[in-house]
Amino acid sequence: TRLLSEAQERPLDLSERASVKLHLMICRGCRNFSS
């Protein structure tokens, strides 16, 4: 959720984007937060 918030202000690097995407695939709560 911290990275999703930061993504509003700056581009995430490759490892951050990959970590977020992986987490969002399995976590509905974080998908809801992102939405």
ModelCIF file with pLDDT and N, C-alpha, C, O atoms, coordinates in Angstrom:
data_MODEL
#
_entry.id   MODEL 
#
_entity.id                         1 
_entity.type                       polymer 
_entity.pdbx_number_of_molecules   1 
#
_entity_poly.entity_id                      1 
_entity_poly.type                           'polypeptide(L)' 
_entity_poly.nstd_linkage                   no 
_entity_poly.nstd_monomer                   no 
_entity_poly.pdbx_seq_one_letter_code       TRLLSEAQERPLDLSERASVKLHLMICRGCRNFSS 
_entity_poly.pdbx_seq_one_letter_code_can   TRLLSEAQERPLDLSERASVKLHLMICRGCRNFSS 
_entity_poly.pdbx_strand_id                 A 
#
loop_
_entity_poly_seq.entity_id 
_entity_poly_seq.num 
_entity_poly_seq.mon_id 
_entity_poly_seq.hetero 
1 1  THR n 
1 2  ARG n 
1 3  LEU n 
1 4  LEU n 
1 5  SER n 
1 6  GLU n 
1 7  ALA n 
1 8  GLN n 
1 9  GLU n 
1 10 ARG n 
1 11 PRO n 
1 12 LEU n 
1 13 ASP n 
1 14 LEU n 
1 15 SER n 
1 16 GLU n 
1 17 ARG n 
1 18 ALA n 
1 19 SER n 
1 20 VAL n 
1 21 LYS n 
1 22 LEU n 
1 23 HIS n 
1 24 LEU n 
1 25 MET n 
1 26 ILE n 
1 27 CYS n 
1 28 ARG n 
1 29 GLY n 
1 30 CYS n 
1 31 ARG n 
1 32 ASN n 
1 33 PHE n 
1 34 SER n 
1 35 SER n 
#
_struct_asym.id          A 
_struct_asym.entity_id   1 
#
loop_
_ma_qa_metric.id 
_ma_qa_metric.mode 
_ma_qa_metric.name 
_ma_qa_metric.software_group_id 
_ma_qa_metric.type 
1 global pLDDT . pLDDT 
2 local  pLDDT . pLDDT 
#
_ma_qa_metric_global.metric_id      1 
_ma_qa_metric_global.metric_value   96.60 
_ma_qa_metric_global.model_id       1 
_ma_qa_metric_global.ordinal_id     1 
#
loop_
_ma_qa_metric_local.label_asym_id 
_ma_qa_metric_local.label_comp_id 
_ma_qa_metric_local.label_seq_id 
_ma_qa_metric_local.metric_id 
_ma_qa_metric_local.metric_value 
_ma_qa_metric_local.model_id 
_ma_qa_metric_local.ordinal_id 
A THR 1  2 97.00 1 1  
A ARG 2  2 97.00 1 2  
A LEU 3  2 97.00 1 3  
A LEU 4  2 97.00 1 4  
A SER 5  2 96.00 1 5  
A GLU 6  2 96.00 1 6  
A ALA 7  2 95.00 1 7  
A GLN 8  2 92.00 1 8  
A GLU 9  2 93.00 1 9  
A ARG 10 2 96.00 1 10 
A PRO 11 2 97.00 1 11 
A LEU 12 2 97.00 1 12 
A ASP 13 2 97.00 1 13 
A LEU 14 2 98.00 1 14 
A SER 15 2 96.00 1 15 
A GLU 16 2 97.00 1 16 
A ARG 17 2 97.00 1 17 
A ALA 18 2 97.00 1 18 
A SER 19 2 97.00 1 19 
A VAL 20 2 97.00 1 20 
A LYS 21 2 97.00 1 21 
A LEU 22 2 97.00 1 22 
A HIS 23 2 97.00 1 23 
A LEU 24 2 97.00 1 24 
A MET 25 2 97.00 1 25 
A ILE 26 2 97.00 1 26 
A CYS 27 2 97.00 1 27 
A ARG 28 2 97.00 1 28 
A GLY 29 2 97.00 1 29 
A CYS 30 2 98.00 1 30 
A ARG 31 2 97.00 1 31 
A ASN 32 2 98.00 1 32 
A PHE 33 2 97.00 1 33 
A SER 34 2 96.00 1 34 
A SER 35 2 96.00 1 35 
#
loop_
_atom_site.group_PDB 
_atom_site.id 
_atom_site.type_symbol 
_atom_site.label_atom_id 
_atom_site.label_alt_id 
_atom_site.label_comp_id 
_atom_site.label_asym_id 
_atom_site.label_entity_id 
_atom_site.label_seq_id 
_atom_site.pdbx_PDB_ins_code 
_atom_site.Cartn_x 
_atom_site.Cartn_y 
_atom_site.Cartn_z 
_atom_site.occupancy 
_atom_site.B_iso_or_equiv 
_atom_site.pdbx_formal_charge 
_atom_site.auth_seq_id 
_atom_site.auth_comp_id 
_atom_site.auth_asym_id 
_atom_site.auth_atom_id 
_atom_site.pdbx_PDB_model_num 
ATOM 1   N N  . THR A 1 1  ? 0.827   -1.203  0.000   1.00 97.00 ? 1  THR A N  1 
ATOM 2   C CA . THR A 1 1  ? 0.000   0.000   0.000   1.00 97.00 ? 1  THR A CA 1 
ATOM 3   C C  . THR A 1 1  ? 0.862   1.255   0.000   1.00 97.00 ? 1  THR A C  1 
ATOM 4   O O  . THR A 1 1  ? 0.491   2.265   -0.598  1.00 97.00 ? 1  THR A O  1 
ATOM 5   N N  . ARG A 1 2  ? 2.010   1.197   0.667   1.00 97.00 ? 2  ARG A N  1 
ATOM 6   C CA . ARG A 1 2  ? 2.942   2.332   0.624   1.00 97.00 ? 2  ARG A CA 1 
ATOM 7   C C  . ARG A 1 2  ? 3.442   2.540   -0.799  1.00 97.00 ? 2  ARG A C  1 
ATOM 8   O O  . ARG A 1 2  ? 3.494   3.673   -1.279  1.00 97.00 ? 2  ARG A O  1 
ATOM 9   N N  . LEU A 1 3  ? 3.810   1.453   -1.478  1.00 97.00 ? 3  LEU A N  1 
ATOM 10  C CA . LEU A 1 3  ? 4.297   1.564   -2.856  1.00 97.00 ? 3  LEU A CA 1 
ATOM 11  C C  . LEU A 1 3  ? 3.198   2.048   -3.803  1.00 97.00 ? 3  LEU A C  1 
ATOM 12  O O  . LEU A 1 3  ? 3.465   2.833   -4.712  1.00 97.00 ? 3  LEU A O  1 
ATOM 13  N N  . LEU A 1 4  ? 1.967   1.582   -3.593  1.00 97.00 ? 4  LEU A N  1 
ATOM 14  C CA . LEU A 1 4  ? 0.861   2.054   -4.422  1.00 97.00 ? 4  LEU A CA 1 
ATOM 15  C C  . LEU A 1 4  ? 0.657   3.554   -4.237  1.00 97.00 ? 4  LEU A C  1 
ATOM 16  O O  . LEU A 1 4  ? 0.370   4.268   -5.198  1.00 97.00 ? 4  LEU A O  1 
ATOM 17  N N  . SER A 1 5  ? 0.801   4.023   -3.020  1.00 96.00 ? 5  SER A N  1 
ATOM 18  C CA . SER A 1 5  ? 0.689   5.459   -2.757  1.00 96.00 ? 5  SER A CA 1 
ATOM 19  C C  . SER A 1 5  ? 1.841   6.215   -3.411  1.00 96.00 ? 5  SER A C  1 
ATOM 20  O O  . SER A 1 5  ? 1.637   7.271   -4.009  1.00 96.00 ? 5  SER A O  1 
ATOM 21  N N  . GLU A 1 6  ? 3.039   5.677   -3.299  1.00 96.00 ? 6  GLU A N  1 
ATOM 22  C CA . GLU A 1 6  ? 4.203   6.323   -3.911  1.00 96.00 ? 6  GLU A CA 1 
ATOM 23  C C  . GLU A 1 6  ? 4.106   6.336   -5.428  1.00 96.00 ? 6  GLU A C  1 
ATOM 24  O O  . GLU A 1 6  ? 4.608   7.255   -6.074  1.00 96.00 ? 6  GLU A O  1 
ATOM 25  N N  . ALA A 1 7  ? 3.459   5.316   -6.005  1.00 95.00 ? 7  ALA A N  1 
ATOM 26  C CA . ALA A 1 7  ? 3.317   5.242   -7.460  1.00 95.00 ? 7  ALA A CA 1 
ATOM 27  C C  . ALA A 1 7  ? 2.494   6.407   -8.005  1.00 95.00 ? 7  ALA A C  1 
ATOM 28  O O  . ALA A 1 7  ? 2.573   6.716   -9.194  1.00 95.00 ? 7  ALA A O  1 
ATOM 29  N N  . GLN A 1 8  ? 1.713   7.049   -7.156  1.00 92.00 ? 8  GLN A N  1 
ATOM 30  C CA . GLN A 1 8  ? 0.951   8.222   -7.573  1.00 92.00 ? 8  GLN A CA 1 
ATOM 31  C C  . GLN A 1 8  ? 1.876   9.422   -7.793  1.00 92.00 ? 8  GLN A C  1 
ATOM 32  O O  . GLN A 1 8  ? 1.545   10.345  -8.537  1.00 92.00 ? 8  GLN A O  1 
ATOM 33  N N  . GLU A 1 9  ? 3.028   9.397   -7.142  1.00 93.00 ? 9  GLU A N  1 
ATOM 34  C CA . GLU A 1 9  ? 3.955   10.535  -7.181  1.00 93.00 ? 9  GLU A CA 1 
ATOM 35  C C  . GLU A 1 9  ? 5.208   10.294  -8.015  1.00 93.00 ? 9  GLU A C  1 
ATOM 36  O O  . GLU A 1 9  ? 5.816   11.236  -8.523  1.00 93.00 ? 9  GLU A O  1 
ATOM 37  N N  . ARG A 1 10 ? 5.586   9.034   -8.151  1.00 96.00 ? 10 ARG A N  1 
ATOM 38  C CA . ARG A 1 10 ? 6.828   8.726   -8.871  1.00 96.00 ? 10 ARG A CA 1 
ATOM 39  C C  . ARG A 1 10 ? 6.689   7.358   -9.536  1.00 96.00 ? 10 ARG A C  1 
ATOM 40  O O  . ARG A 1 10 ? 5.914   6.513   -9.087  1.00 96.00 ? 10 ARG A O  1 
ATOM 41  N N  . PRO A 1 11 ? 7.453   7.152   -10.615 1.00 97.00 ? 11 PRO A N  1 
ATOM 42  C CA . PRO A 1 11 ? 7.426   5.820   -11.233 1.00 97.00 ? 11 PRO A CA 1 
ATOM 43  C C  . PRO A 1 11 ? 8.158   4.814   -10.343 1.00 97.00 ? 11 PRO A C  1 
ATOM 44  O O  . PRO A 1 11 ? 9.224   5.111   -9.805  1.00 97.00 ? 11 PRO A O  1 
ATOM 45  N N  . LEU A 1 12 ? 7.583   3.640   -10.197 1.00 97.00 ? 12 LEU A N  1 
ATOM 46  C CA . LEU A 1 12 ? 8.233   2.585   -9.419  1.00 97.00 ? 12 LEU A CA 1 
ATOM 47  C C  . LEU A 1 12 ? 9.295   1.922   -10.279 1.00 97.00 ? 12 LEU A C  1 
ATOM 48  O O  . LEU A 1 12 ? 9.147   1.817   -11.497 1.00 97.00 ? 12 LEU A O  1 
ATOM 49  N N  . ASP A 1 13 ? 10.374  1.473   -9.629  1.00 97.00 ? 13 ASP A N  1 
ATOM 50  C CA . ASP A 1 13 ? 11.395  0.766   -10.399 1.00 97.00 ? 13 ASP A CA 1 
ATOM 51  C C  . ASP A 1 13 ? 10.916  -0.654  -10.696 1.00 97.00 ? 13 ASP A C  1 
ATOM 52  O O  . ASP A 1 13 ? 9.882   -1.088  -10.189 1.00 97.00 ? 13 ASP A O  1 
ATOM 53  N N  . LEU A 1 14 ? 11.668  -1.361  -11.511 1.00 98.00 ? 14 LEU A N  1 
ATOM 54  C CA . LEU A 1 14 ? 11.247  -2.679  -11.993 1.00 98.00 ? 14 LEU A CA 1 
ATOM 55  C C  . LEU A 1 14 ? 10.962  -3.659  -10.859 1.00 98.00 ? 14 LEU A C  1 
ATOM 56  O O  . LEU A 1 14 ? 9.949   -4.358  -10.893 1.00 98.00 ? 14 LEU A O  1 
ATOM 57  N N  . SER A 1 15 ? 11.829  -3.722  -9.863  1.00 96.00 ? 15 SER A N  1 
ATOM 58  C CA . SER A 1 15 ? 11.624  -4.673  -8.763  1.00 96.00 ? 15 SER A CA 1 
ATOM 59  C C  . SER A 1 15 ? 10.397  -4.300  -7.927  1.00 96.00 ? 15 SER A C  1 
ATOM 60  O O  . SER A 1 15 ? 9.670   -5.179  -7.463  1.00 96.00 ? 15 SER A O  1 
ATOM 61  N N  . GLU A 1 16 ? 10.166  -2.998  -7.737  1.00 97.00 ? 16 GLU A N  1 
ATOM 62  C CA . GLU A 1 16 ? 8.984   -2.564  -6.994  1.00 97.00 ? 16 GLU A CA 1 
ATOM 63  C C  . GLU A 1 16 ? 7.707   -2.914  -7.753  1.00 97.00 ? 16 GLU A C  1 
ATOM 64  O O  . GLU A 1 16 ? 6.752   -3.423  -7.166  1.00 97.00 ? 16 GLU A O  1 
ATOM 65  N N  . ARG A 1 17 ? 7.691   -2.640  -9.063  1.00 97.00 ? 17 ARG A N  1 
ATOM 66  C CA . ARG A 1 17 ? 6.510   -2.970  -9.870  1.00 97.00 ? 17 ARG A CA 1 
ATOM 67  C C  . ARG A 1 17 ? 6.229   -4.465  -9.855  1.00 97.00 ? 17 ARG A C  1 
ATOM 68  O O  . ARG A 1 17 ? 5.078   -4.886  -9.740  1.00 97.00 ? 17 ARG A O  1 
ATOM 69  N N  . ALA A 1 18 ? 7.280   -5.265  -9.972  1.00 97.00 ? 18 ALA A N  1 
ATOM 70  C CA . ALA A 1 18 ? 7.106   -6.723  -9.972  1.00 97.00 ? 18 ALA A CA 1 
ATOM 71  C C  . ALA A 1 18 ? 6.558   -7.200  -8.634  1.00 97.00 ? 18 ALA A C  1 
ATOM 72  O O  . ALA A 1 18 ? 5.655   -8.036  -8.595  1.00 97.00 ? 18 ALA A O  1 
ATOM 73  N N  . SER A 1 19 ? 7.093   -6.677  -7.546  1.00 97.00 ? 19 SER A N  1 
ATOM 74  C CA . SER A 1 19 ? 6.611   -7.056  -6.218  1.00 97.00 ? 19 SER A CA 1 
ATOM 75  C C  . SER A 1 19 ? 5.147   -6.689  -6.020  1.00 97.00 ? 19 SER A C  1 
ATOM 76  O O  . SER A 1 19 ? 4.368   -7.472  -5.477  1.00 97.00 ? 19 SER A O  1 
ATOM 77  N N  . VAL A 1 20 ? 4.783   -5.497  -6.463  1.00 97.00 ? 20 VAL A N  1 
ATOM 78  C CA . VAL A 1 20 ? 3.405   -5.043  -6.323  1.00 97.00 ? 20 VAL A CA 1 
ATOM 79  C C  . VAL A 1 20 ? 2.477   -5.922  -7.167  1.00 97.00 ? 20 VAL A C  1 
ATOM 80  O O  . VAL A 1 20 ? 1.432   -6.358  -6.683  1.00 97.00 ? 20 VAL A O  1 
ATOM 81  N N  . LYS A 1 21 ? 2.848   -6.183  -8.418  1.00 97.00 ? 21 LYS A N  1 
ATOM 82  C CA . LYS A 1 21 ? 2.002   -7.005  -9.287  1.00 97.00 ? 21 LYS A CA 1 
ATOM 83  C C  . LYS A 1 21 ? 1.811   -8.405  -8.709  1.00 97.00 ? 21 LYS A C  1 
ATOM 84  O O  . LYS A 1 21 ? 0.701   -8.937  -8.715  1.00 97.00 ? 21 LYS A O  1 
ATOM 85  N N  . LEU A 1 22 ? 2.886   -8.995  -8.214  1.00 97.00 ? 22 LEU A N  1 
ATOM 86  C CA . LEU A 1 22 ? 2.795   -10.331 -7.627  1.00 97.00 ? 22 LEU A CA 1 
ATOM 87  C C  . LEU A 1 22 ? 1.852   -10.318 -6.427  1.00 97.00 ? 22 LEU A C  1 
ATOM 88  O O  . LEU A 1 22 ? 0.987   -11.185 -6.299  1.00 97.00 ? 22 LEU A O  1 
ATOM 89  N N  . HIS A 1 23 ? 2.021   -9.342  -5.562  1.00 97.00 ? 23 HIS A N  1 
ATOM 90  C CA . HIS A 1 23 ? 1.179   -9.246  -4.369  1.00 97.00 ? 23 HIS A CA 1 
ATOM 91  C C  . HIS A 1 23 ? -0.289  -9.024  -4.755  1.00 97.00 ? 23 HIS A C  1 
ATOM 92  O O  . HIS A 1 23 ? -1.185  -9.633  -4.171  1.00 97.00 ? 23 HIS A O  1 
ATOM 93  N N  . LEU A 1 24 ? -0.530  -8.153  -5.737  1.00 97.00 ? 24 LEU A N  1 
ATOM 94  C CA . LEU A 1 24 ? -1.902  -7.860  -6.138  1.00 97.00 ? 24 LEU A CA 1 
ATOM 95  C C  . LEU A 1 24 ? -2.600  -9.076  -6.743  1.00 97.00 ? 24 LEU A C  1 
ATOM 96  O O  . LEU A 1 24 ? -3.827  -9.172  -6.696  1.00 97.00 ? 24 LEU A O  1 
ATOM 97  N N  . MET A 1 25 ? -1.832  -9.998  -7.307  1.00 97.00 ? 25 MET A N  1 
ATOM 98  C CA . MET A 1 25 ? -2.435  -11.211 -7.871  1.00 97.00 ? 25 MET A CA 1 
ATOM 99  C C  . MET A 1 25 ? -3.064  -12.085 -6.797  1.00 97.00 ? 25 MET A C  1 
ATOM 100 O O  . MET A 1 25 ? -4.020  -12.814 -7.064  1.00 97.00 ? 25 MET A O  1 
ATOM 101 N N  . ILE A 1 26 ? -2.524  -12.011 -5.567  1.00 97.00 ? 26 ILE A N  1 
ATOM 102 C CA . ILE A 1 26 ? -3.014  -12.908 -4.520  1.00 97.00 ? 26 ILE A CA 1 
ATOM 103 C C  . ILE A 1 26 ? -3.769  -12.204 -3.395  1.00 97.00 ? 26 ILE A C  1 
ATOM 104 O O  . ILE A 1 26 ? -4.379  -12.865 -2.555  1.00 97.00 ? 26 ILE A O  1 
ATOM 105 N N  . CYS A 1 27 ? -3.736  -10.879 -3.371  1.00 97.00 ? 27 CYS A N  1 
ATOM 106 C CA . CYS A 1 27 ? -4.333  -10.158 -2.240  1.00 97.00 ? 27 CYS A CA 1 
ATOM 107 C C  . CYS A 1 27 ? -5.482  -9.254  -2.699  1.00 97.00 ? 27 CYS A C  1 
ATOM 108 O O  . CYS A 1 27 ? -5.265  -8.187  -3.273  1.00 97.00 ? 27 CYS A O  1 
ATOM 109 N N  . ARG A 1 28 ? -6.681  -9.702  -2.437  1.00 97.00 ? 28 ARG A N  1 
ATOM 110 C CA . ARG A 1 28 ? -7.870  -8.935  -2.836  1.00 97.00 ? 28 ARG A CA 1 
ATOM 111 C C  . ARG A 1 28 ? -7.962  -7.601  -2.078  1.00 97.00 ? 28 ARG A C  1 
ATOM 112 O O  . ARG A 1 28 ? -8.398  -6.599  -2.645  1.00 97.00 ? 28 ARG A O  1 
ATOM 113 N N  . GLY A 1 29 ? -7.562  -7.585  -0.827  1.00 97.00 ? 29 GLY A N  1 
ATOM 114 C CA . GLY A 1 29 ? -7.608  -6.346  -0.052  1.00 97.00 ? 29 GLY A CA 1 
ATOM 115 C C  . GLY A 1 29 ? -6.746  -5.257  -0.668  1.00 97.00 ? 29 GLY A C  1 
ATOM 116 O O  . GLY A 1 29 ? -7.160  -4.100  -0.738  1.00 97.00 ? 29 GLY A O  1 
ATOM 117 N N  . CYS A 1 30 ? -5.565  -5.615  -1.109  1.00 98.00 ? 30 CYS A N  1 
ATOM 118 C CA . CYS A 1 30 ? -4.683  -4.628  -1.735  1.00 98.00 ? 30 CYS A CA 1 
ATOM 119 C C  . CYS A 1 30 ? -5.177  -4.247  -3.129  1.00 98.00 ? 30 CYS A C  1 
ATOM 120 O O  . CYS A 1 30 ? -4.988  -3.110  -3.560  1.00 98.00 ? 30 CYS A O  1 
ATOM 121 N N  . ARG A 1 31 ? -5.813  -5.195  -3.844  1.00 97.00 ? 31 ARG A N  1 
ATOM 122 C CA . ARG A 1 31 ? -6.433  -4.847  -5.126  1.00 97.00 ? 31 ARG A CA 1 
ATOM 123 C C  . ARG A 1 31 ? -7.545  -3.829  -4.897  1.00 97.00 ? 31 ARG A C  1 
ATOM 124 O O  . ARG A 1 31 ? -7.686  -2.880  -5.667  1.00 97.00 ? 31 ARG A O  1 
ATOM 125 N N  . ASN A 1 32 ? -8.328  -4.021  -3.852  1.00 98.00 ? 32 ASN A N  1 
ATOM 126 C CA . ASN A 1 32 ? -9.388  -3.055  -3.520  1.00 98.00 ? 32 ASN A CA 1 
ATOM 127 C C  . ASN A 1 32 ? -8.792  -1.692  -3.181  1.00 98.00 ? 32 ASN A C  1 
ATOM 128 O O  . ASN A 1 32 ? -9.299  -0.661  -3.621  1.00 98.00 ? 32 ASN A O  1 
ATOM 129 N N  . PHE A 1 33 ? -7.714  -1.691  -2.397  1.00 97.00 ? 33 PHE A N  1 
ATOM 130 C CA . PHE A 1 33 ? -7.049  -0.437  -2.050  1.00 97.00 ? 33 PHE A CA 1 
ATOM 131 C C  . PHE A 1 33 ? -6.573  0.273   -3.315  1.00 97.00 ? 33 PHE A C  1 
ATOM 132 O O  . PHE A 1 33 ? -6.762  1.480   -3.467  1.00 97.00 ? 33 PHE A O  1 
ATOM 133 N N  . SER A 1 34 ? -5.955  -0.482  -4.217  1.00 96.00 ? 34 SER A N  1 
ATOM 134 C CA . SER A 1 34 ? -5.462  0.087   -5.466  1.00 96.00 ? 34 SER A CA 1 
ATOM 135 C C  . SER A 1 34 ? -6.604  0.673   -6.287  1.00 96.00 ? 34 SER A C  1 
ATOM 136 O O  . SER A 1 34 ? -6.482  1.762   -6.847  1.00 96.00 ? 34 SER A O  1 
ATOM 137 N N  . SER A 1 35 ? -7.705  -0.051  -6.352  1.00 96.00 ? 35 SER A N  1 
ATOM 138 C CA . SER A 1 35 ? -8.880  0.417   -7.084  1.00 96.00 ? 35 SER A CA 1 
ATOM 139 C C  . SER A 1 35 ? -9.428  1.703   -6.469  1.00 96.00 ? 35 SER A C  1 
ATOM 140 O O  . SER A 1 35 ? -10.420 2.246   -6.954  1.00 96.00 ? 35 SER A O  1 
#
